Amino acid sequence: MNPLMSAEQAVLGAALLDPEQLTHLEWLAADHFYRPVHQALFAALRKLRNDGHPALSAAGPLPLSWVTDAVEEAGQHVRGLTAAYAHTLIQACPRTEHAPVYGRMVLEGAIHRTVAQHAIRLHQAARADAVQGEVEGALRTADVLTGVLTDLARRWGTDPRPVPPTAGPSAATDIPPPAQSGQVAEDERFLLAVLAEQPGAMGEVVAWLRPGDFADATHGQLYRCLGALHHRGEPIDRITLLWEAQRRGLLADGTVSSEQLTAVCEGMVPGSADWFGQRVMRSSVTRTAAASARAIRTLAQDEVLGPGRLINHAMHELGPLDEVRARWSTANSSPAPKATASAPSAAEPPSDRVKAARARSTPRPGASPPAPASRLPTLSAARPPSRGHP
């Protein structure tokens, strides 16, 4: 028998032997027990105590009615409980005064189970939302999980705060990402094509869409290239995108080929960058929720991890979902204001940036086009006469 089952039997045996131990277990609830028969018996003992059972005020040894009445009350809610099992519970208790310690062991097991159960629900909600193209179910379930973690921290007596795991990487590091649907990859390709071919399209999504929101790592790298071009105020098209990819070494290391990039750009369909961006963002929300759920479930299955650390690490694993959720809210808020005439556009960088960019490189002879005839320097301006000669 594992330690958790032994602790459940011991705490019930202590309450059957000494009803006064229930006063030290006010923080323990019936649903903290794993076995249904233990849940029913603990609830029955607490009910008899609250109803003022005669055994509580009896002088001398504890009457047998305390045990038999508890078994009878619990038997109304669960099947298979007998008086013989109650005596087995009594024999399983080494010392009745250790009941609070046994109860804390029961609560520790309940915390691990509860966190694991809610992580499974979050993962299921995220998968369902991914199929339906929604995010509300996953976000509601994440809110419930946050509330559960806060309540468990209060019961355990710790301060709930996000704390990263101290030993090794995050629990989700060794878990492979789920396979993505063809629709997700198609939305990402369409978005990249729109961003590369429509002037000013980056301005619609750059405030809230990040490279990590792309399920395909190659698509995320291409979006990073587009963002770099936009940030520097340089023109964006398929040629400058290929140039930026080369500068970042994506062609050399095989991350992307020129043929792949051309295929992405040629796959453009009529559409809005904002619309495609929100579809990519929606997929990112559900994917991040599923990853957080898997990481939290892995933490909950670690028996070595104490309840306080489990709660704080689980809250830390919800951090990425909170960050993606905030950007999702930004994407669904009012559209960003359009650039005014005085603001530089993505297609026409400001003249001061052009001058600064050219100043960073040394022009080669013959690299610059000839100046117009009207701007050519005169002989006197080009070579002043030497002294002593008219």
Protein backbone atom coordinates (compact mmCIF):
# COMPACT_ATOMS: atom_id res chain seq x y z
CA MET A 1 0.00 0.00 0.00
CA ASN A 2 1.31 3.44 -0.88
CA PRO A 3 1.90 6.11 1.78
CA LEU A 4 -1.15 8.11 0.71
CA MET A 5 -3.56 5.23 1.32
CA SER A 6 -1.88 4.53 4.66
CA ALA A 7 -2.32 8.18 5.64
CA GLU A 8 -6.01 8.13 4.72
CA GLN A 9 -6.59 5.04 6.81
CA ALA A 10 -4.57 6.44 9.71
CA VAL A 11 -6.42 9.74 9.91
CA LEU A 12 -9.79 7.96 9.83
CA GLY A 13 -8.62 5.48 12.45
CA ALA A 14 -7.53 8.35 14.68
CA ALA A 15 -10.96 10.02 14.37
CA LEU A 16 -12.70 6.71 15.16
CA LEU A 17 -10.54 6.19 18.24
CA ASP A 18 -10.57 9.80 19.43
CA PRO A 19 -13.34 12.12 18.14
CA GLU A 20 -11.47 15.11 19.59
CA GLN A 21 -8.95 14.78 16.77
CA LEU A 22 -11.61 16.16 14.40
CA THR A 23 -11.16 19.59 16.03
CA HIS A 24 -7.57 19.60 14.71
CA LEU A 25 -8.69 18.71 11.18
CA GLU A 26 -11.07 21.57 10.39
CA TRP A 27 -9.01 22.40 7.28
CA LEU A 28 -9.42 18.89 5.89
CA ALA A 29 -12.43 18.19 3.63
CA ALA A 30 -14.04 14.90 2.69
CA ASP A 31 -13.21 15.31 -0.99
CA HIS A 32 -9.50 15.48 -0.11
CA PHE A 33 -9.59 11.70 0.33
CA TYR A 34 -8.89 9.57 -2.73
CA ARG A 35 -11.13 6.55 -2.04
CA PRO A 36 -14.90 7.20 -2.07
CA VAL A 37 -15.41 5.03 1.00
CA HIS A 38 -12.94 7.20 2.91
CA GLN A 39 -14.71 10.35 1.72
CA ALA A 40 -18.07 9.07 2.95
CA LEU A 41 -16.71 7.94 6.31
CA PHE A 42 -14.91 11.22 7.03
CA ALA A 43 -18.04 13.18 6.11
CA ALA A 44 -20.10 10.93 8.40
CA LEU A 45 -17.71 11.43 11.33
CA ARG A 46 -17.82 15.19 10.89
CA LYS A 47 -21.63 15.16 10.67
CA LEU A 48 -21.93 13.11 13.89
CA ARG A 49 -19.59 15.51 15.64
CA ASN A 50 -21.52 18.57 14.43
CA ASP A 51 -24.85 16.98 15.46
CA GLY A 52 -23.57 16.42 18.99
CA HIS A 53 -23.37 12.63 19.07
CA PRO A 54 -23.84 11.24 22.62
CA ALA A 55 -20.47 9.53 22.50
CA LEU A 56 -18.77 12.93 22.58
CA SER A 57 -20.07 13.72 26.07
CA ALA A 58 -19.92 10.18 27.50
CA ALA A 59 -17.66 9.62 30.50
CA GLY A 60 -15.18 6.80 30.46
CA PRO A 61 -14.27 4.74 27.41
CA LEU A 62 -15.60 5.76 24.00
CA PRO A 63 -18.92 4.00 23.32
CA LEU A 64 -19.01 1.55 20.42
CA SER A 65 -21.98 3.48 19.02
CA TRP A 66 -19.56 6.14 17.76
CA VAL A 67 -18.09 3.61 15.33
CA THR A 68 -21.31 1.80 14.40
CA ASP A 69 -23.27 5.03 13.83
CA ALA A 70 -20.47 6.43 11.67
CA VAL A 71 -20.49 3.28 9.53
CA GLU A 72 -24.27 3.42 9.23
CA GLU A 73 -24.26 7.11 8.24
CA ALA A 74 -21.53 6.59 5.66
CA GLY A 75 -23.26 3.50 4.31
CA GLN A 76 -26.13 5.70 3.11
CA HIS A 77 -23.79 7.33 0.59
CA VAL A 78 -21.41 4.53 -0.40
CA ARG A 79 -21.66 0.79 -0.78
CA GLY A 80 -19.37 -1.87 0.66
CA LEU A 81 -18.51 -0.23 3.99
CA THR A 82 -18.72 -2.60 6.97
CA ALA A 83 -17.91 -2.42 10.66
CA ALA A 84 -15.04 -4.81 10.04
CA TYR A 85 -13.37 -2.26 7.75
CA ALA A 86 -13.81 0.40 10.42
CA HIS A 87 -11.83 -1.75 12.84
CA THR A 88 -9.19 -2.20 10.11
CA LEU A 89 -8.87 1.59 9.98
CA ILE A 90 -8.45 1.72 13.76
CA GLN A 91 -5.64 -0.83 13.60
CA ALA A 92 -3.95 1.21 10.80
CA CYS A 93 -3.48 4.24 13.09
CA PRO A 94 -0.15 4.10 14.96
CA ARG A 95 -0.86 7.11 17.21
CA THR A 96 -4.05 9.14 17.39
CA GLU A 97 -2.22 12.36 18.33
CA HIS A 98 -0.50 12.28 14.95
CA ALA A 99 -3.82 12.81 13.17
CA PRO A 100 -2.92 16.37 11.97
CA VAL A 101 0.23 15.01 10.30
CA TYR A 102 -1.73 12.21 8.64
CA GLY A 103 -4.28 14.79 7.52
CA ARG A 104 -1.56 16.95 6.00
CA MET A 105 -0.37 13.95 4.01
CA VAL A 106 -3.91 13.45 2.73
CA LEU A 107 -4.14 17.11 1.76
CA GLU A 108 -0.82 16.91 -0.06
CA GLY A 109 -2.07 14.02 -2.16
CA ALA A 110 -5.31 15.89 -2.85
CA ILE A 111 -3.39 18.95 -4.07
CA HIS A 112 -1.42 16.87 -6.56
CA ARG A 113 -4.59 15.15 -7.83
CA THR A 114 -6.55 18.38 -8.08
CA VAL A 115 -3.85 20.19 -10.03
CA ALA A 116 -3.50 17.22 -12.39
CA GLN A 117 -7.27 17.00 -12.95
CA HIS A 118 -7.62 20.68 -13.80
CA ALA A 119 -4.57 20.53 -16.07
CA ILE A 120 -6.25 17.68 -17.96
CA ARG A 121 -9.41 19.77 -18.29
CA LEU A 122 -7.41 22.70 -19.62
CA HIS A 123 -5.75 20.47 -22.19
CA GLN A 124 -9.11 19.06 -23.28
CA ALA A 125 -10.62 22.54 -23.57
CA ALA A 126 -7.65 23.75 -25.62
CA ARG A 127 -7.93 20.81 -28.02
CA ALA A 128 -11.68 21.36 -28.39
CA ASP A 129 -11.18 25.07 -29.07
CA ALA A 130 -8.49 24.30 -31.63
CA VAL A 131 -10.92 22.10 -33.55
CA GLN A 132 -13.76 24.63 -33.34
CA GLY A 133 -11.61 27.69 -34.03
CA GLU A 134 -12.36 29.24 -30.62
CA VAL A 135 -10.38 30.28 -27.55
CA GLU A 136 -13.06 31.08 -24.96
CA GLY A 137 -13.28 27.57 -23.50
CA ALA A 138 -9.54 27.31 -22.93
CA LEU A 139 -9.34 30.78 -21.39
CA ARG A 140 -12.26 30.10 -19.02
CA THR A 141 -10.70 26.80 -17.95
CA ALA A 142 -7.37 28.56 -17.38
CA ASP A 143 -9.15 31.07 -15.12
CA VAL A 144 -10.65 28.20 -13.15
CA LEU A 145 -7.22 26.60 -12.78
CA THR A 146 -5.76 29.88 -11.53
CA GLY A 147 -8.53 30.14 -8.94
CA VAL A 148 -7.98 26.54 -7.86
CA LEU A 149 -4.25 27.12 -7.42
CA THR A 150 -4.93 30.21 -5.32
CA ASP A 151 -7.38 28.30 -3.11
CA LEU A 152 -5.00 25.38 -2.70
CA ALA A 153 -2.23 27.75 -1.70
CA ARG A 154 -4.48 29.22 0.98
CA ARG A 155 -5.34 25.76 2.30
CA TRP A 156 -1.71 24.72 2.36
CA GLY A 157 -0.67 27.98 3.99
CA THR A 158 1.64 29.34 1.31
CA ASP A 159 1.77 32.55 -0.67
CA PRO A 160 0.71 31.87 -4.29
CA ARG A 161 3.24 33.37 -6.68
CA PRO A 162 4.80 32.26 -9.96
CA VAL A 163 8.16 30.60 -9.33
CA PRO A 164 10.14 28.92 -12.14
CA PRO A 165 11.51 25.44 -11.46
CA THR A 166 14.96 25.73 -9.92
CA ALA A 167 16.35 22.45 -11.20
CA GLY A 168 16.56 22.08 -14.96
CA PRO A 169 14.34 23.50 -17.69
CA SER A 170 10.59 23.84 -17.70
CA ALA A 171 8.54 20.68 -17.39
CA ALA A 172 7.25 21.18 -20.93
CA THR A 173 10.71 21.15 -22.51
CA ASP A 174 10.84 17.44 -23.22
CA ILE A 175 7.24 17.23 -24.45
CA PRO A 176 6.98 17.34 -28.24
CA PRO A 177 4.49 19.86 -29.65
CA PRO A 178 1.28 18.44 -31.07
CA ALA A 179 0.93 17.98 -34.79
CA GLN A 180 -0.63 21.01 -36.44
CA SER A 181 -3.53 20.88 -38.82
CA GLY A 182 -3.15 21.80 -42.46
CA GLN A 183 -5.45 24.78 -41.96
CA VAL A 184 -3.07 26.35 -39.44
CA ALA A 185 -0.09 26.04 -41.80
CA GLU A 186 -2.17 27.43 -44.66
CA ASP A 187 -3.24 30.45 -42.62
CA GLU A 188 0.38 31.15 -41.78
CA ARG A 189 1.49 30.93 -45.40
CA PHE A 190 -1.33 33.22 -46.52
CA LEU A 191 -0.43 35.75 -43.82
CA LEU A 192 3.23 35.80 -44.84
CA ALA A 193 2.26 36.26 -48.49
CA VAL A 194 -0.01 39.20 -47.63
CA LEU A 195 2.67 40.79 -45.44
CA ALA A 196 5.29 40.43 -48.19
CA GLU A 197 3.13 41.72 -51.05
CA GLN A 198 0.81 44.33 -49.55
CA PRO A 199 2.50 47.63 -48.65
CA GLY A 200 1.90 48.63 -45.06
CA ALA A 201 0.38 45.27 -44.09
CA MET A 202 2.94 44.76 -41.30
CA GLY A 203 1.53 47.77 -39.52
CA GLU A 204 -1.72 45.89 -38.96
CA VAL A 205 -0.21 43.02 -36.96
CA VAL A 206 3.23 44.02 -35.72
CA ALA A 207 1.89 45.39 -32.42
CA TRP A 208 0.54 42.04 -31.19
CA LEU A 209 1.80 39.17 -33.37
CA ARG A 210 5.12 37.54 -32.48
CA PRO A 211 7.32 34.99 -34.30
CA GLY A 212 6.57 32.45 -31.57
CA ASP A 213 2.88 32.57 -32.46
CA PHE A 214 3.58 30.62 -35.64
CA ALA A 215 3.23 26.87 -35.34
CA ASP A 216 5.79 26.35 -38.11
CA ALA A 217 9.24 27.46 -36.97
CA THR A 218 10.23 28.40 -40.53
CA HIS A 219 7.19 30.65 -40.84
CA GLY A 220 8.14 32.26 -37.55
CA GLN A 221 11.64 33.00 -38.84
CA LEU A 222 10.25 34.57 -42.02
CA TYR A 223 7.93 36.72 -39.94
CA ARG A 224 10.94 37.77 -37.87
CA CYS A 225 12.65 38.88 -41.10
CA LEU A 226 9.59 40.89 -42.10
CA GLY A 227 9.51 42.50 -38.69
CA ALA A 228 13.16 43.48 -38.96
CA LEU A 229 12.56 45.13 -42.33
CA HIS A 230 9.54 46.96 -40.93
CA HIS A 231 11.46 48.08 -37.85
CA ARG A 232 14.25 49.57 -39.95
CA GLY A 233 11.78 51.31 -42.22
CA GLU A 234 12.92 49.46 -45.31
CA PRO A 235 10.76 48.38 -48.24
CA ILE A 236 9.14 44.97 -47.98
CA ASP A 237 8.67 42.61 -50.90
CA ARG A 238 9.76 39.12 -51.83
CA ILE A 239 13.25 40.31 -52.84
CA THR A 240 13.99 42.23 -49.67
CA LEU A 241 12.56 39.34 -47.64
CA LEU A 242 14.93 36.92 -49.37
CA TRP A 243 17.78 39.36 -48.74
CA GLU A 244 16.96 39.60 -45.03
CA ALA A 245 16.69 35.82 -44.75
CA GLN A 246 20.14 35.50 -46.29
CA ARG A 247 21.59 38.11 -43.93
CA ARG A 248 20.26 36.14 -40.96
CA GLY A 249 21.81 32.90 -42.20
CA LEU A 250 18.51 31.16 -42.83
CA LEU A 251 19.54 30.15 -46.33
CA ALA A 252 22.96 28.93 -45.28
CA ASP A 253 21.75 26.71 -42.45
CA GLY A 254 18.88 25.27 -44.46
CA THR A 255 16.09 26.79 -42.39
CA VAL A 256 14.48 28.04 -45.59
CA SER A 257 15.33 27.88 -49.28
CA SER A 258 14.73 30.50 -51.92
CA GLU A 259 12.25 28.13 -53.57
CA GLN A 260 10.26 27.82 -50.34
CA LEU A 261 10.19 31.57 -49.88
CA THR A 262 9.07 32.08 -53.47
CA ALA A 263 6.32 29.51 -53.00
CA VAL A 264 5.09 31.32 -49.90
CA CYS A 265 5.01 34.70 -51.63
CA GLU A 266 3.32 33.34 -54.75
CA GLY A 267 0.57 31.79 -52.65
CA MET A 268 -1.01 35.13 -51.86
CA VAL A 269 -4.79 35.30 -51.82
CA PRO A 270 -7.00 38.37 -51.43
CA GLY A 271 -7.34 39.05 -47.74
CA SER A 272 -6.52 41.23 -44.80
CA ALA A 273 -3.35 40.86 -42.78
CA ASP A 274 -5.34 41.59 -39.64
CA TRP A 275 -7.81 38.78 -40.41
CA PHE A 276 -5.14 36.19 -41.14
CA GLY A 277 -3.10 37.42 -38.19
CA GLN A 278 -5.99 36.86 -35.81
CA ARG A 279 -6.39 33.31 -37.11
CA VAL A 280 -2.70 32.66 -36.44
CA MET A 281 -3.06 34.31 -33.04
CA ARG A 282 -6.09 32.16 -32.18
CA SER A 283 -4.10 29.03 -32.94
CA SER A 284 -1.27 30.34 -30.77
CA VAL A 285 -3.61 30.80 -27.79
CA THR A 286 -4.94 27.24 -27.90
CA ARG A 287 -1.49 25.81 -28.57
CA THR A 288 0.01 27.71 -25.64
CA ALA A 289 -2.86 26.63 -23.38
CA ALA A 290 -2.27 22.99 -24.31
CA ALA A 291 1.48 23.33 -23.67
CA SER A 292 0.86 24.92 -20.26
CA ALA A 293 -1.59 22.16 -19.38
CA ARG A 294 0.91 19.43 -20.29
CA ALA A 295 3.65 21.10 -18.26
CA ILE A 296 1.42 21.48 -15.19
CA ARG A 297 0.25 17.89 -15.43
CA THR A 298 3.88 16.74 -15.54
CA LEU A 299 4.59 18.78 -12.42
CA ALA A 300 1.56 17.33 -10.62
CA GLN A 301 2.74 13.79 -11.34
CA ASP A 302 6.07 14.46 -9.64
CA GLU A 303 5.65 12.94 -6.16
CA VAL A 304 8.89 14.51 -4.97
CA LEU A 305 7.54 18.03 -5.51
CA GLY A 306 6.04 19.56 -2.39
CA PRO A 307 2.58 21.19 -2.59
CA GLY A 308 3.89 24.73 -2.17
CA ARG A 309 6.44 24.34 -4.93
CA LEU A 310 3.92 22.55 -7.13
CA ILE A 311 1.44 25.42 -6.83
CA ASN A 312 4.03 28.11 -7.51
CA HIS A 313 5.59 26.23 -10.44
CA ALA A 314 2.13 25.63 -11.91
CA MET A 315 1.36 29.34 -11.73
CA HIS A 316 4.65 30.01 -13.50
CA GLU A 317 3.69 27.62 -16.31
CA LEU A 318 0.51 29.65 -16.84
CA GLY A 319 2.61 32.76 -17.48
CA PRO A 320 3.09 32.17 -21.24
CA LEU A 321 -0.66 31.76 -21.64
CA ASP A 322 -1.29 35.03 -19.80
CA GLU A 323 1.14 36.82 -22.13
CA VAL A 324 -0.44 35.39 -25.29
CA ARG A 325 -3.88 36.12 -23.90
CA ALA A 326 -3.01 39.79 -23.39
CA ARG A 327 -1.89 40.11 -27.01
CA TRP A 328 -5.02 38.28 -28.15
CA SER A 329 -7.09 40.92 -26.36
CA THR A 330 -5.07 43.63 -28.11
CA ALA A 331 -5.68 41.99 -31.49
CA ASN A 332 -9.43 42.00 -30.87
CA SER A 333 -9.60 45.58 -29.65
CA SER A 334 -10.08 48.62 -31.84
CA PRO A 335 -7.88 48.63 -34.94
CA ALA A 336 -4.62 50.49 -34.80
CA PRO A 337 -4.77 54.04 -36.22
CA LYS A 338 -3.62 54.39 -39.78
CA ALA A 339 -0.34 56.13 -40.46
CA THR A 340 -0.66 59.84 -41.11
CA ALA A 341 0.97 61.64 -44.01
CA SER A 342 3.80 62.83 -41.77
CA ALA A 343 4.60 59.33 -40.52
CA PRO A 344 7.06 57.28 -42.54
CA SER A 345 5.55 54.38 -44.43
CA ALA A 346 7.05 50.94 -44.73
CA ALA A 347 7.53 51.38 -48.49
CA GLU A 348 9.17 54.82 -48.28
CA PRO A 349 11.72 55.08 -45.48
CA PRO A 350 12.48 58.60 -44.21
CA SER A 351 15.35 60.43 -45.82
CA ASP A 352 17.37 60.66 -42.61
CA ARG A 353 17.36 56.87 -42.27
CA VAL A 354 18.41 56.52 -45.89
CA LYS A 355 21.32 58.87 -45.33
CA ALA A 356 22.33 57.08 -42.16
CA ALA A 357 22.16 53.69 -43.87
CA ARG A 358 24.32 54.88 -46.76
CA ALA A 359 26.78 56.48 -44.39
CA ARG A 360 27.46 53.07 -42.81
CA SER A 361 29.03 51.77 -46.02
CA THR A 362 31.93 53.12 -48.09
CA PRO A 363 30.87 53.76 -51.70
CA ARG A 364 32.98 52.11 -54.32
CA PRO A 365 34.24 54.00 -57.41
CA GLY A 366 31.63 53.99 -60.09
CA ALA A 367 28.95 52.64 -57.75
CA SER A 368 26.97 55.88 -57.66
CA PRO A 369 25.10 57.08 -60.73
CA PRO A 370 26.49 60.21 -62.43
CA ALA A 371 25.08 63.47 -61.22
CA PRO A 372 22.91 65.52 -63.56
CA ALA A 373 24.71 68.00 -65.80
CA SER A 374 23.19 70.96 -64.01
CA ARG A 375 24.70 69.70 -60.74
CA LEU A 376 28.20 68.91 -62.07
CA PRO A 377 30.91 71.06 -60.44
CA THR A 378 32.59 73.70 -62.59
CA LEU A 379 36.28 73.64 -63.28
CA SER A 380 36.91 76.51 -60.93
CA ALA A 381 34.93 74.83 -58.22
CA ALA A 382 36.58 71.48 -58.81
CA ARG A 383 40.20 72.78 -58.92
CA PRO A 384 41.02 76.24 -57.63
CA PRO A 385 43.79 78.02 -59.53
CA SER A 386 47.23 77.85 -57.98
CA ARG A 387 48.86 80.98 -56.66
CA GLY A 388 51.11 82.89 -59.04
CA HIS A 389 49.12 82.04 -62.15
CA PRO A 390 46.27 84.17 -63.50
